[in-house]
Amino acid sequence: MIEGNPLKEKFAKETLDYTAEVSYETENINILATPEDENATVDIKGGDKLVVGENVITINSSIFIFRSC
């Protein structure tokens, strides 16, 4: 979720691309991303220094699974 700005598409974990519109004056946005698994981490790149036009923000979620043999 982008704080204060709804996504155009309904969220679904299988969906990889989303769009949102912000006002012309917006320079930064706050993205709220909660992983499904409490042991996962979320890495967000972008969301600051926005420019007029398209801005790409990348969100990755990963989990490290340790198995002892």
C-alpha atoms as a PDB file:
ATOM      1  CA  MET A   1       0.000   0.000   0.000  1.00  0.00           C
ATOM      2  CA  ILE A   2       1.158   3.497  -0.711  1.00  0.00           C
ATOM      3  CA  GLU A   3       0.292   5.676   2.251  1.00  0.00           C
ATOM      4  CA  GLY A   4      -2.404   8.151   1.193  1.00  0.00           C
ATOM      5  CA  ASN A   5      -2.605   6.897  -2.412  1.00  0.00           C
ATOM      6  CA  PRO A   6      -4.594   3.813  -3.392  1.00  0.00           C
ATOM      7  CA  LEU A   7      -3.292   1.298  -5.905  1.00  0.00           C
ATOM      8  CA  LYS A   8      -5.239   1.197  -9.165  1.00  0.00           C
ATOM      9  CA  GLU A   9      -5.306  -2.613  -9.050  1.00  0.00           C
ATOM     10  CA  LYS A  10      -6.688  -4.717  -6.208  1.00  0.00           C
ATOM     11  CA  PHE A  11      -3.816  -6.356  -4.325  1.00  0.00           C
ATOM     12  CA  ALA A  12      -3.184 -10.034  -5.039  1.00  0.00           C
ATOM     13  CA  LYS A  13       0.043 -11.792  -4.050  1.00  0.00           C
ATOM     14  CA  GLU A  14       0.328 -13.330  -7.528  1.00  0.00           C
ATOM     15  CA  THR A  15       0.323  -9.883  -9.185  1.00  0.00           C
ATOM     16  CA  LEU A  16       3.777  -8.459  -9.845  1.00  0.00           C
ATOM     17  CA  ASP A  17       3.022  -4.993 -11.245  1.00  0.00           C
ATOM     18  CA  TYR A  18       0.875  -2.249  -9.757  1.00  0.00           C
ATOM     19  CA  THR A  19       0.215   1.391 -10.572  1.00  0.00           C
ATOM     20  CA  ALA A  20      -0.779   4.419  -8.533  1.00  0.00           C
ATOM     21  CA  GLU A  21      -1.080   8.121  -9.194  1.00  0.00           C
ATOM     22  CA  VAL A  22       0.179  10.852  -6.907  1.00  0.00           C
ATOM     23  CA  SER A  23      -0.160  14.616  -7.141  1.00  0.00           C
ATOM     24  CA  TYR A  24       2.227  16.622  -9.287  1.00  0.00           C
ATOM     25  CA  GLU A  25       3.944  18.106  -6.232  1.00  0.00           C
ATOM     26  CA  THR A  26       4.712  14.726  -4.603  1.00  0.00           C
ATOM     27  CA  GLU A  27       8.447  14.172  -4.146  1.00  0.00           C
ATOM     28  CA  ASN A  28       8.386  11.148  -1.803  1.00  0.00           C
ATOM     29  CA  ILE A  29       5.945   8.380  -0.926  1.00  0.00           C
ATOM     30  CA  ASN A  30       5.762   5.974   1.979  1.00  0.00           C
ATOM     31  CA  ILE A  31       5.186   2.367   0.946  1.00  0.00           C
ATOM     32  CA  LEU A  32       3.759  -0.022   3.511  1.00  0.00           C
ATOM     33  CA  ALA A  33       4.688  -3.634   2.695  1.00  0.00           C
ATOM     34  CA  THR A  34       4.113  -6.470   5.161  1.00  0.00           C
ATOM     35  CA  PRO A  35       5.436  -9.933   4.296  1.00  0.00           C
ATOM     36  CA  GLU A  36       3.063 -12.876   4.488  1.00  0.00           C
ATOM     37  CA  ASP A  37       5.602 -14.863   6.526  1.00  0.00           C
ATOM     38  CA  GLU A  38       6.795 -13.272   9.768  1.00  0.00           C
ATOM     39  CA  ASN A  39      10.330 -14.567   9.097  1.00  0.00           C
ATOM     40  CA  ALA A  40      10.564 -12.857   5.704  1.00  0.00           C
ATOM     41  CA  THR A  41      12.239  -9.549   5.021  1.00  0.00           C
ATOM     42  CA  VAL A  42      11.045  -6.769   2.721  1.00  0.00           C
ATOM     43  CA  ASP A  43      13.420  -4.559   0.733  1.00  0.00           C
ATOM     44  CA  ILE A  44      12.025  -1.424  -0.952  1.00  0.00           C
ATOM     45  CA  LYS A  45      14.068   0.532  -3.502  1.00  0.00           C
ATOM     46  CA  GLY A  46      12.630   3.834  -4.693  1.00  0.00           C
ATOM     47  CA  GLY A  47       9.812   6.009  -3.420  1.00  0.00           C
ATOM     48  CA  ASP A  48      11.972   9.063  -2.898  1.00  0.00           C
ATOM     49  CA  LYS A  49      13.083  11.741  -5.334  1.00  0.00           C
ATOM     50  CA  LEU A  50      10.068  11.140  -7.577  1.00  0.00           C
ATOM     51  CA  VAL A  51      10.010  12.867 -10.946  1.00  0.00           C
ATOM     52  CA  VAL A  52       7.094  13.852 -13.166  1.00  0.00           C
ATOM     53  CA  GLY A  53       6.103  10.816 -15.217  1.00  0.00           C
ATOM     54  CA  GLU A  54       6.754   7.155 -14.521  1.00  0.00           C
ATOM     55  CA  ASN A  55       8.772   6.118 -11.469  1.00  0.00           C
ATOM     56  CA  VAL A  56       9.724   2.503 -10.814  1.00  0.00           C
ATOM     57  CA  ILE A  57       9.756   1.247  -7.236  1.00  0.00           C
ATOM     58  CA  THR A  58      11.008  -2.275  -6.590  1.00  0.00           C
ATOM     59  CA  ILE A  59       9.796  -4.328  -3.642  1.00  0.00           C
ATOM     60  CA  ASN A  60      11.405  -7.684  -2.888  1.00  0.00           C
ATOM     61  CA  SER A  61      10.421 -10.130  -0.196  1.00  0.00           C
ATOM     62  CA  SER A  62      12.653 -13.014   0.761  1.00  0.00           C
ATOM     63  CA  ILE A  63      12.933 -15.638   3.417  1.00  0.00           C
ATOM     64  CA  PHE A  64      15.916 -17.683   4.528  1.00  0.00           C
ATOM     65  CA  ILE A  65      15.061 -21.245   5.438  1.00  0.00           C
ATOM     66  CA  PHE A  66      17.630 -23.165   7.453  1.00  0.00           C
ATOM     67  CA  ARG A  67      17.359 -26.904   7.581  1.00  0.00           C
ATOM     68  CA  SER A  68      19.767 -29.000   9.600  1.00  0.00           C
ATOM     69  CA  CYS A  69      20.582 -32.440   8.295  1.00  0.00           C
END
